[in-house]
Amino acid sequence: MKRTPIRVDPISIYLERRRKGPIYPVIVAGGTVYVSGLPPMIRGPARSSACRSHNSLSCAPAKEPMHGSGRLLLDRVLKCNVHCTPHGSHFGIFNDVYSRYFPADAPAPIFLHVPSLPGPFDIEGDCIAVI
């Protein structure tokens, strides 16, 4: 199966500063888009961080740049994972933001508390979508 890696700047640049080699947060394969953890890039209150993280998902490219541009449509997301540093209020805040981005037929979510994330933020999300 052909896999097409896609850079997402400024996130790829940010992550490459912390790791050697190129970073491709989006992989397109067989009509499916796999988006790795995309952070909000700016630390802020939990509600604005959750919004920024969802905005990062919706800005992820879903097609090869050389074959036309396309953005990930949130109504095509099938599965969404959110990783968040532990705090009791984050789950309720995330659910409120999630329901605004996915008002109907929301994808299957997973909300995980993690001890820490690499970088100055406390939430990141990844997803699987169809083209």
Protein backbone atom coordinates (compact mmCIF):
# COMPACT_ATOMS: atom_id res chain seq x y z
CA MET A 1 0.00 0.00 0.00
CA LYS A 2 1.32 3.41 -0.91
CA ARG A 3 1.74 5.78 2.01
CA THR A 4 2.12 9.50 1.43
CA PRO A 5 3.71 11.46 4.29
CA ILE A 6 2.74 15.14 4.55
CA ARG A 7 4.51 17.87 6.51
CA VAL A 8 2.40 20.22 8.59
CA ASP A 9 4.27 23.42 9.33
CA PRO A 10 4.82 25.00 11.80
CA ILE A 11 4.22 21.78 13.75
CA SER A 12 6.77 19.75 11.74
CA ILE A 13 9.40 22.45 12.28
CA TYR A 14 8.62 22.64 16.01
CA LEU A 15 8.92 18.86 16.47
CA GLU A 16 12.05 18.59 14.30
CA ARG A 17 13.85 20.92 16.72
CA ARG A 18 13.36 18.25 19.39
CA ARG A 19 14.03 15.19 17.21
CA LYS A 20 16.42 14.33 14.43
CA GLY A 21 15.02 13.85 10.96
CA PRO A 22 11.88 15.01 9.20
CA ILE A 23 8.49 14.86 10.92
CA TYR A 24 5.35 14.05 8.95
CA PRO A 25 2.28 14.41 11.20
CA VAL A 26 -0.09 13.34 8.43
CA ILE A 27 -0.02 10.09 6.46
CA VAL A 28 -2.46 9.40 3.64
CA ALA A 29 -2.93 5.74 2.68
CA GLY A 30 -5.70 3.94 0.85
CA GLY A 31 -8.26 6.73 1.12
CA THR A 32 -7.63 7.17 4.83
CA VAL A 33 -5.95 10.09 6.58
CA TYR A 34 -3.97 9.44 9.75
CA VAL A 35 -3.20 12.59 11.74
CA SER A 36 -0.73 12.24 14.60
CA GLY A 37 -0.87 14.27 17.79
CA LEU A 38 -1.26 17.92 16.92
CA PRO A 39 -0.77 20.30 19.83
CA PRO A 40 -2.32 23.77 20.11
CA MET A 41 1.21 25.25 19.65
CA ILE A 42 0.47 27.99 22.21
CA ARG A 43 -0.09 27.26 25.87
CA GLY A 44 -3.19 28.83 27.31
CA PRO A 45 -6.27 28.08 29.36
CA ALA A 46 -7.71 24.59 28.83
CA ARG A 47 -10.70 25.81 26.77
CA SER A 48 -8.59 27.80 24.30
CA SER A 49 -6.02 24.99 24.12
CA ALA A 50 -8.78 22.48 23.26
CA CYS A 51 -10.09 24.83 20.55
CA ARG A 52 -6.61 25.32 19.12
CA SER A 53 -6.00 21.57 19.12
CA HIS A 54 -9.26 20.96 17.21
CA ASN A 55 -8.34 23.78 14.82
CA SER A 56 -4.99 22.07 14.22
CA LEU A 57 -6.85 18.89 13.25
CA SER A 58 -9.12 20.76 10.85
CA CYS A 59 -6.11 22.45 9.22
CA ALA A 60 -4.28 19.19 8.56
CA PRO A 61 -3.76 18.57 4.85
CA ALA A 62 -5.65 15.56 3.54
CA LYS A 63 -4.11 15.34 0.08
CA GLU A 64 -0.67 15.44 -1.43
CA PRO A 65 0.24 19.08 -2.14
CA MET A 66 1.41 18.14 -5.64
CA HIS A 67 -2.00 16.67 -6.51
CA GLY A 68 -4.12 19.59 -5.35
CA SER A 69 -4.70 20.97 -1.92
CA GLY A 70 -7.31 19.76 0.48
CA ARG A 71 -8.01 20.09 4.14
CA LEU A 72 -9.30 17.50 6.54
CA LEU A 73 -13.06 17.85 6.82
CA LEU A 74 -14.14 17.28 10.39
CA ASP A 75 -17.31 15.51 9.25
CA ARG A 76 -15.07 12.78 7.81
CA VAL A 77 -13.28 12.06 11.08
CA LEU A 78 -14.05 8.54 12.33
CA LYS A 79 -11.89 8.37 15.46
CA CYS A 80 -10.42 11.07 17.64
CA ASN A 81 -7.90 10.63 20.47
CA VAL A 82 -7.10 13.38 22.93
CA HIS A 83 -4.11 13.27 25.25
CA CYS A 84 -4.24 15.70 28.14
CA THR A 85 -2.18 16.31 31.25
CA PRO A 86 -4.15 15.40 34.38
CA HIS A 87 -6.53 17.98 35.74
CA GLY A 88 -10.04 17.29 36.91
CA SER A 89 -11.72 20.01 34.83
CA HIS A 90 -10.12 19.12 31.48
CA PHE A 91 -12.61 16.35 30.64
CA GLY A 92 -15.69 18.59 30.97
CA ILE A 93 -14.02 21.42 29.06
CA PHE A 94 -12.94 19.02 26.31
CA ASN A 95 -16.47 17.59 26.00
CA ASP A 96 -17.92 21.09 25.65
CA VAL A 97 -15.43 22.04 22.90
CA TYR A 98 -15.75 18.62 21.21
CA SER A 99 -19.54 19.02 20.93
CA ARG A 100 -19.08 22.37 19.16
CA TYR A 101 -16.66 20.95 16.58
CA PHE A 102 -18.69 17.77 16.13
CA PRO A 103 -22.33 18.84 16.70
CA ALA A 104 -23.87 15.72 15.09
CA ASP A 105 -22.60 12.22 14.41
CA ALA A 106 -19.43 12.79 16.39
CA PRO A 107 -16.50 10.40 15.84
CA ALA A 108 -15.58 7.82 18.46
CA PRO A 109 -13.50 9.68 21.07
CA ILE A 110 -10.87 8.59 23.55
CA PHE A 111 -9.76 11.01 26.26
CA LEU A 112 -6.54 10.00 28.03
CA HIS A 113 -4.71 11.62 30.91
CA VAL A 114 -0.95 11.50 30.44
CA PRO A 115 1.69 12.65 32.95
CA SER A 116 3.19 15.19 30.53
CA LEU A 117 3.49 16.14 26.87
CA PRO A 118 6.62 17.23 25.01
CA GLY A 119 6.43 20.99 24.78
CA PRO A 120 4.71 23.87 26.51
CA PHE A 121 1.13 22.64 26.22
CA ASP A 122 -1.21 20.33 28.07
CA ILE A 123 -3.41 18.87 25.30
CA GLU A 124 -3.00 17.35 21.86
CA GLY A 125 -5.26 15.40 19.56
CA ASP A 126 -4.93 12.88 16.78
CA CYS A 127 -7.50 11.36 14.47
CA ILE A 128 -8.32 8.97 11.66
CA ALA A 129 -10.48 10.22 8.80
CA VAL A 130 -11.55 9.22 5.32
CA ILE A 131 -10.91 11.32 2.25
